PDB file of N, CA and C in Angstrom:
ATOM      1  N   MET A   1     -96.544  41.854 -61.320  1.00  0.00           N
ATOM      2  CA  MET A   1     -95.561  41.307 -60.410  1.00  0.00           C
ATOM      3  C   MET A   1     -95.375  43.039 -58.706  1.00  0.00           C
ATOM      4  N   PRO A   2     -96.339  42.487 -57.878  1.00  0.00           N
ATOM      5  CA  PRO A   2     -96.552  44.203 -56.766  1.00  0.00           C
ATOM      6  C   PRO A   2     -95.659  44.234 -56.392  1.00  0.00           C
ATOM      7  N   ALA A   3     -96.225  45.963 -56.219  1.00  0.00           N
ATOM      8  CA  ALA A   3     -94.985  46.481 -55.506  1.00  0.00           C
ATOM      9  C   ALA A   3     -93.915  46.759 -54.118  1.00  0.00           C
ATOM     10  N   PHE A   4     -94.117  45.861 -53.789  1.00  0.00           N
ATOM     11  CA  PHE A   4     -93.692  45.626 -52.206  1.00  0.00           C
ATOM     12  C   PHE A   4     -92.500  45.312 -52.495  1.00  0.00           C
ATOM     13  N   PRO A   5     -90.891  46.088 -52.171  1.00  0.00           N
ATOM     14  CA  PRO A   5     -90.058  45.828 -51.834  1.00  0.00           C
ATOM     15  C   PRO A   5     -89.232  45.263 -51.054  1.00  0.00           C
ATOM     16  N   GLY A   6     -88.242  45.259 -52.502  1.00  0.00           N
ATOM     17  CA  GLY A   6     -87.204  44.212 -51.776  1.00  0.00           C
ATOM     18  C   GLY A   6     -85.700  44.982 -52.093  1.00  0.00           C
ATOM     19  N   LYS A   7     -84.901  43.884 -52.173  1.00  0.00           N
ATOM     20  CA  LYS A   7     -83.734  43.485 -52.095  1.00  0.00           C
ATOM     21  C   LYS A   7     -82.782  43.154 -53.518  1.00  0.00           C
ATOM     22  N   CYS A   8     -81.670  43.708 -54.196  1.00  0.00           N
ATOM     23  CA  CYS A   8     -80.401  42.993 -54.770  1.00  0.00           C
ATOM     24  C   CYS A   8     -79.310  42.794 -53.706  1.00  0.00           C
ATOM     25  N   PHE A   9     -78.857  41.859 -54.010  1.00  0.00           N
ATOM     26  CA  PHE A   9     -77.956  41.011 -53.496  1.00  0.00           C
ATOM     27  C   PHE A   9     -77.095  41.483 -53.689  1.00  0.00           C
ATOM     28  N   TYR A  10     -76.873  41.342 -55.050  1.00  0.00           N
ATOM     29  CA  TYR A  10     -75.186  41.342 -55.573  1.00  0.00           C
ATOM     30  C   TYR A  10     -74.936  42.612 -55.250  1.00  0.00           C
ATOM     31  N   CYS A  11     -76.155  43.774 -56.023  1.00  0.00           N
ATOM     32  CA  CYS A  11     -75.242  45.259 -55.056  1.00  0.00           C
ATOM     33  C   CYS A  11     -76.154  46.113 -54.026  1.00  0.00           C
ATOM     34  N   GLY A  12     -76.496  45.858 -53.959  1.00  0.00           N
ATOM     35  CA  GLY A  12     -77.655  45.860 -52.159  1.00  0.00           C
ATOM     36  C   GLY A  12     -78.722  47.164 -52.059  1.00  0.00           C
ATOM     37  N   LYS A  13     -79.223  47.280 -53.840  1.00  0.00           N
ATOM     38  CA  LYS A  13     -80.008  48.466 -54.510  1.00  0.00           C
ATOM     39  C   LYS A  13     -81.044  48.011 -54.098  1.00  0.00           C
ATOM     40  N   GLU A  14     -82.093  48.828 -53.110  1.00  0.00           N
ATOM     41  CA  GLU A  14     -83.437  48.917 -52.092  1.00  0.00           C
ATOM     42  C   GLU A  14     -84.303  48.613 -54.195  1.00  0.00           C
ATOM     43  N   LEU A  15     -85.298  48.180 -53.924  1.00  0.00           N
ATOM     44  CA  LEU A  15     -85.968  47.665 -55.533  1.00  0.00           C
ATOM     45  C   LEU A  15     -87.669  47.668 -55.157  1.00  0.00           C
ATOM     46  N   LYS A  16     -88.133  48.117 -56.374  1.00  0.00           N
ATOM     47  CA  LYS A  16     -89.419  47.712 -55.513  1.00  0.00           C
ATOM     48  C   LYS A  16     -89.819  46.588 -56.908  1.00  0.00           C
ATOM     49  N   GLY A  17     -91.152  46.269 -56.494  1.00  0.00           N
ATOM     50  CA  GLY A  17     -91.856  45.087 -57.482  1.00  0.00           C
ATOM     51  C   GLY A  17     -90.998  45.298 -59.160  1.00  0.00           C
ATOM     52  N   ARG A  18     -92.359  45.870 -59.097  1.00  0.00           N
ATOM     53  CA  ARG A  18     -92.237  46.908 -61.220  1.00  0.00           C
ATOM     54  C   ARG A  18     -90.941  47.258 -61.362  1.00  0.00           C
ATOM     55  N   GLY A  19     -89.662  47.414 -60.466  1.00  0.00           N
ATOM     56  CA  GLY A  19     -88.588  47.588 -61.848  1.00  0.00           C
ATOM     57  C   GLY A  19     -87.297  46.401 -61.361  1.00  0.00           C
ATOM     58  N   VAL A  20     -87.234  45.180 -60.778  1.00  0.00           N
ATOM     59  CA  VAL A  20     -86.813  44.314 -60.752  1.00  0.00           C
ATOM     60  C   VAL A  20     -86.689  44.066 -61.725  1.00  0.00           C
ATOM     61  N   LYS A  21     -86.419  42.858 -62.340  1.00  0.00           N
ATOM     62  CA  LYS A  21     -86.347  43.210 -63.740  1.00  0.00           C
ATOM     63  C   LYS A  21     -85.544  43.160 -64.640  1.00  0.00           C
ATOM     64  N   ARG A  22     -85.858  44.515 -64.838  1.00  0.00           N
ATOM     65  CA  ARG A  22     -85.568  45.723 -65.972  1.00  0.00           C
ATOM     66  C   ARG A  22     -83.782  45.950 -64.790  1.00  0.00           C
ATOM     67  N   HIS A  23     -83.050  46.351 -62.800  1.00  0.00           N
ATOM     68  CA  HIS A  23     -82.495  45.791 -62.457  1.00  0.00           C
ATOM     69  C   HIS A  23     -81.782  45.208 -62.859  1.00  0.00           C
ATOM     70  N   PHE A  24     -82.500  43.753 -62.855  1.00  0.00           N
ATOM     71  CA  PHE A  24     -81.800  42.096 -63.408  1.00  0.00           C
ATOM     72  C   PHE A  24     -80.629  42.388 -64.120  1.00  0.00           C
ATOM     73  N   ARG A  25     -81.738  42.595 -65.393  1.00  0.00           N
ATOM     74  CA  ARG A  25     -80.914  42.875 -65.846  1.00  0.00           C
ATOM     75  C   ARG A  25     -79.181  43.630 -66.704  1.00  0.00           C
ATOM     76  N   THR A  26     -79.631  44.403 -66.162  1.00  0.00           N
ATOM     77  CA  THR A  26     -78.410  45.746 -66.077  1.00  0.00           C
ATOM     78  C   THR A  26     -77.245  44.722 -65.739  1.00  0.00           C
ATOM     79  N   HIS A  27     -77.083  43.948 -64.798  1.00  0.00           N
ATOM     80  CA  HIS A  27     -76.470  43.066 -63.973  1.00  0.00           C
ATOM     81  C   HIS A  27     -75.859  41.248 -64.943  1.00  0.00           C
ATOM     82  N   LEU A  28     -77.140  40.864 -65.623  1.00  0.00           N
ATOM     83  CA  LEU A  28     -77.142  39.774 -66.787  1.00  0.00           C
ATOM     84  C   LEU A  28     -76.018  41.468 -68.115  1.00  0.00           C
ATOM     85  N   ARG A  29     -75.979  42.057 -68.226  1.00  0.00           N
ATOM     86  CA  ARG A  29     -74.750  42.386 -69.019  1.00  0.00           C
ATOM     87  C   ARG A  29     -73.398  42.370 -68.716  1.00  0.00           C
ATOM     88  N   ASP A  30     -73.512  42.930 -67.457  1.00  0.00           N
ATOM     89  CA  ASP A  30     -71.964  41.848 -66.437  1.00  0.00           C
ATOM     90  C   ASP A  30     -71.583  41.159 -66.686  1.00  0.00           C
ATOM     91  N   LEU A  31     -72.077  40.146 -67.377  1.00  0.00           N
ATOM     92  CA  LEU A  31     -71.572  38.815 -67.595  1.00  0.00           C
ATOM     93  C   LEU A  31     -70.256  38.707 -68.038  1.00  0.00           C
ATOM     94  N   LYS A  32     -69.525  37.857 -67.882  1.00  0.00           N
ATOM     95  CA  LYS A  32     -68.465  37.973 -68.793  1.00  0.00           C
ATOM     96  C   LYS A  32     -68.694  37.075 -70.191  1.00  0.00           C
ATOM     97  N   GLU A  33     -67.726  37.262 -71.300  1.00  0.00           N
ATOM     98  CA  GLU A  33     -67.961  37.350 -72.233  1.00  0.00           C
ATOM     99  C   GLU A  33     -68.317  35.268 -72.624  1.00  0.00           C
ATOM    100  N   GLY A  34     -69.503  35.103 -73.147  1.00  0.00           N
ATOM    101  CA  GLY A  34     -69.508  33.901 -73.059  1.00  0.00           C
ATOM    102  C   GLY A  34     -70.320  33.667 -71.819  1.00  0.00           C
ATOM    103  N   GLU A  35     -70.819  34.049 -70.899  1.00  0.00           N
ATOM    104  CA  GLU A  35     -71.741  33.162 -70.058  1.00  0.00           C
ATOM    105  C   GLU A  35     -72.886  34.221 -70.346  1.00  0.00           C
ATOM    106  N   ASP A  36     -73.784  33.260 -70.153  1.00  0.00           N
ATOM    107  CA  ASP A  36     -74.838  33.054 -70.930  1.00  0.00           C
ATOM    108  C   ASP A  36     -75.521  32.698 -69.751  1.00  0.00           C
ATOM    109  N   ALA A  37     -76.645  33.379 -69.006  1.00  0.00           N
ATOM    110  CA  ALA A  37     -77.516  33.938 -67.733  1.00  0.00           C
ATOM    111  C   ALA A  37     -79.486  33.808 -68.329  1.00  0.00           C
ATOM    112  N   PHE A  38     -80.298  33.019 -66.898  1.00  0.00           N
ATOM    113  CA  PHE A  38     -81.750  33.840 -67.793  1.00  0.00           C
ATOM    114  C   PHE A  38     -81.895  33.970 -66.500  1.00  0.00           C
ATOM    115  N   LEU A  39     -83.399  34.760 -66.350  1.00  0.00           N
ATOM    116  CA  LEU A  39     -84.021  35.151 -64.729  1.00  0.00           C
ATOM    117  C   LEU A  39     -85.128  34.630 -64.321  1.00  0.00           C
ATOM    118  N   ILE A  40     -85.373  33.911 -63.833  1.00  0.00           N
ATOM    119  CA  ILE A  40     -86.572  33.553 -62.840  1.00  0.00           C
ATOM    120  C   ILE A  40     -87.524  33.529 -62.039  1.00  0.00           C
ATOM    121  N   LEU A  41     -88.713  34.383 -62.247  1.00  0.00           N
ATOM    122  CA  LEU A  41     -88.753  34.755 -60.770  1.00  0.00           C
ATOM    123  C   LEU A  41     -90.069  33.391 -60.748  1.00  0.00           C
ATOM    124  N   ALA A  42     -89.983  33.655 -59.688  1.00  0.00           N
ATOM    125  CA  ALA A  42     -90.434  32.641 -58.701  1.00  0.00           C
ATOM    126  C   ALA A  42     -91.415  33.878 -57.065  1.00  0.00           C
ATOM    127  N   ARG A  43     -92.971  33.708 -57.018  1.00  0.00           N
ATOM    128  CA  ARG A  43     -93.794  34.000 -56.502  1.00  0.00           C
ATOM    129  C   ARG A  43     -94.987  33.717 -55.899  1.00  0.00           C
ATOM    130  N   SER A  44     -95.516  33.924 -54.512  1.00  0.00           N
ATOM    131  CA  SER A  44     -96.440  33.565 -53.666  1.00  0.00           C
ATOM    132  C   SER A  44     -97.446  33.944 -52.938  1.00  0.00           C
ATOM    133  N   GLY A  45     -98.034  34.546 -53.072  1.00  0.00           N
ATOM    134  CA  GLY A  45     -99.013  35.631 -52.438  1.00  0.00           C
ATOM    135  C   GLY A  45     -98.061  37.393 -52.424  1.00  0.00           C
ATOM    136  N   LEU A  46     -97.697  37.112 -51.875  1.00  0.00           N
ATOM    137  CA  LEU A  46     -97.214  38.285 -51.429  1.00  0.00           C
ATOM    138  C   LEU A  46     -95.606  38.146 -51.444  1.00  0.00           C
ATOM    139  N   PHE A  47     -95.467  37.329 -51.468  1.00  0.00           N
ATOM    140  CA  PHE A  47     -93.667  36.658 -51.516  1.00  0.00           C
ATOM    141  C   PHE A  47     -93.048  36.598 -52.661  1.00  0.00           C
ATOM    142  N   TRP A  48     -92.230  37.262 -53.476  1.00  0.00           N
ATOM    143  CA  TRP A  48     -91.403  37.123 -54.642  1.00  0.00           C
ATOM    144  C   TRP A  48     -90.250  36.890 -54.713  1.00  0.00           C
ATOM    145  N   MET A  49     -89.291  36.371 -55.201  1.00  0.00           N
ATOM    146  CA  MET A  49     -87.841  36.983 -55.892  1.00  0.00           C
ATOM    147  C   MET A  49     -87.583  36.803 -56.970  1.00  0.00           C
ATOM    148  N   VAL A  50     -86.324  37.980 -57.600  1.00  0.00           N
ATOM    149  CA  VAL A  50     -86.287  36.976 -58.693  1.00  0.00           C
ATOM    150  C   VAL A  50     -84.861  36.528 -58.473  1.00  0.00           C
ATOM    151  N   ILE A  51     -83.918  35.432 -60.050  1.00  0.00           N
ATOM    152  CA  ILE A  51     -82.893  34.811 -59.721  1.00  0.00           C
ATOM    153  C   ILE A  51     -82.894  35.200 -60.968  1.00  0.00           C
ATOM    154  N   ALA A  52     -81.664  35.325 -60.933  1.00  0.00           N
ATOM    155  CA  ALA A  52     -80.354  35.096 -62.811  1.00  0.00           C
ATOM    156  C   ALA A  52     -79.350  33.786 -61.872  1.00  0.00           C
ATOM    157  N   VAL A  53     -79.650  33.205 -63.717  1.00  0.00           N
ATOM    158  CA  VAL A  53     -79.325  31.652 -63.160  1.00  0.00           C
ATOM    159  C   VAL A  53     -78.555  31.475 -64.444  1.00  0.00           C
ATOM    160  N   ARG A  54     -77.465  30.681 -64.372  1.00  0.00           N
ATOM    161  CA  ARG A  54     -75.809  30.707 -65.442  1.00  0.00           C
ATOM    162  C   ARG A  54     -76.937  29.294 -66.300  1.00  0.00           C
ATOM    163  N   LYS A  55     -76.750  29.266 -67.431  1.00  0.00           N
ATOM    164  CA  LYS A  55     -77.728  28.506 -68.115  1.00  0.00           C
ATOM    165  C   LYS A  55     -76.392  27.227 -67.966  1.00  0.00           C
ATOM    166  N   ASP A  56     -75.464  26.717 -67.031  1.00  0.00           N
ATOM    167  CA  ASP A  56     -75.062  25.551 -67.725  1.00  0.00           C
ATOM    168  C   ASP A  56     -75.336  25.182 -65.578  1.00  0.00           C
ATOM    169  N   LEU A  57     -76.318  25.875 -64.721  1.00  0.00           N
ATOM    170  CA  LEU A  57     -76.569  25.724 -63.642  1.00  0.00           C
ATOM    171  C   LEU A  57     -76.813  24.346 -63.469  1.00  0.00           C
ATOM    172  N   LEU A  58     -77.105  23.319 -62.438  1.00  0.00           N
ATOM    173  CA  LEU A  58     -77.203  22.229 -62.676  1.00  0.00           C
ATOM    174  C   LEU A  58     -79.189  22.527 -61.675  1.00  0.00           C
ATOM    175  N   LEU A  59     -80.272  21.937 -62.125  1.00  0.00           N
ATOM    176  CA  LEU A  59     -81.305  21.659 -61.520  1.00  0.00           C
ATOM    177  C   LEU A  59     -80.776  21.670 -60.280  1.00  0.00           C
ATOM    178  N   GLU A  60     -79.863  20.574 -60.070  1.00  0.00           N
ATOM    179  CA  GLU A  60     -80.470  20.083 -58.336  1.00  0.00           C
ATOM    180  C   GLU A  60     -79.653  21.100 -57.629  1.00  0.00           C
ATOM    181  N   ASP A  61     -78.652  22.113 -58.290  1.00  0.00           N
ATOM    182  CA  ASP A  61     -77.646  23.214 -57.347  1.00  0.00           C
ATOM    183  C   ASP A  61     -78.583  24.445 -57.364  1.00  0.00           C
ATOM    184  N   LEU A  62     -79.935  24.342 -58.470  1.00  0.00           N
ATOM    185  CA  LEU A  62     -81.411  25.360 -58.029  1.00  0.00           C
ATOM    186  C   LEU A  62     -82.128  25.015 -57.056  1.00  0.00           C
ATOM    187  N   ASP A  63     -82.422  23.507 -56.913  1.00  0.00           N
ATOM    188  CA  ASP A  63     -83.069  23.640 -55.966  1.00  0.00           C
ATOM    189  C   ASP A  63     -82.544  23.169 -54.540  1.00  0.00           C
ATOM    190  N   ARG A  64     -80.797  23.279 -54.633  1.00  0.00           N
ATOM    191  CA  ARG A  64     -80.742  23.000 -52.974  1.00  0.00           C
ATOM    192  C   ARG A  64     -80.124  24.902 -52.703  1.00  0.00           C
ATOM    193  N   PHE A  65     -80.520  25.934 -53.514  1.00  0.00           N
ATOM    194  CA  PHE A  65     -80.489  27.830 -53.537  1.00  0.00           C
ATOM    195  C   PHE A  65     -82.068  27.481 -52.581  1.00  0.00           C
ATOM    196  N   LEU A  66     -83.221  27.744 -53.538  1.00  0.00           N
ATOM    197  CA  LEU A  66     -84.459  27.678 -53.451  1.00  0.00           C
ATOM    198  C   LEU A  66     -84.221  26.850 -52.517  1.00  0.00           C
ATOM    199  N   ARG A  67     -84.389  25.907 -51.934  1.00  0.00           N
ATOM    200  CA  ARG A  67     -84.319  25.081 -50.357  1.00  0.00           C
ATOM    201  C   ARG A  67     -83.807  26.512 -49.440  1.00  0.00           C
ATOM    202  N   ASP A  68     -81.792  26.600 -49.305  1.00  0.00           N
ATOM    203  CA  ASP A  68     -81.279  27.262 -48.387  1.00  0.00           C
ATOM    204  C   ASP A  68     -82.282  28.126 -48.097  1.00  0.00           C
ATOM    205  N   VAL A  69     -82.774  28.863 -48.996  1.00  0.00           N
ATOM    206  CA  VAL A  69     -83.025  30.251 -49.315  1.00  0.00           C
ATOM    207  C   VAL A  69     -84.453  29.899 -47.951  1.00  0.00           C
TER     208      VAL A  69
END
């Protein structure tokens, strides 16, 4: 992943691309008991985002989120 800066919208921390996945894993540990999630990396050229997604999320909801972004 490129080292271009980004921002975690969950906590507001400024991040470099290389540390994003590690940073989001800390948020995944904050999930409630029994709540499972995974990370999705989406990128195109210089643009990227990492999305933490609950496993019970419908693809329709993920599609709507990505279109809104």
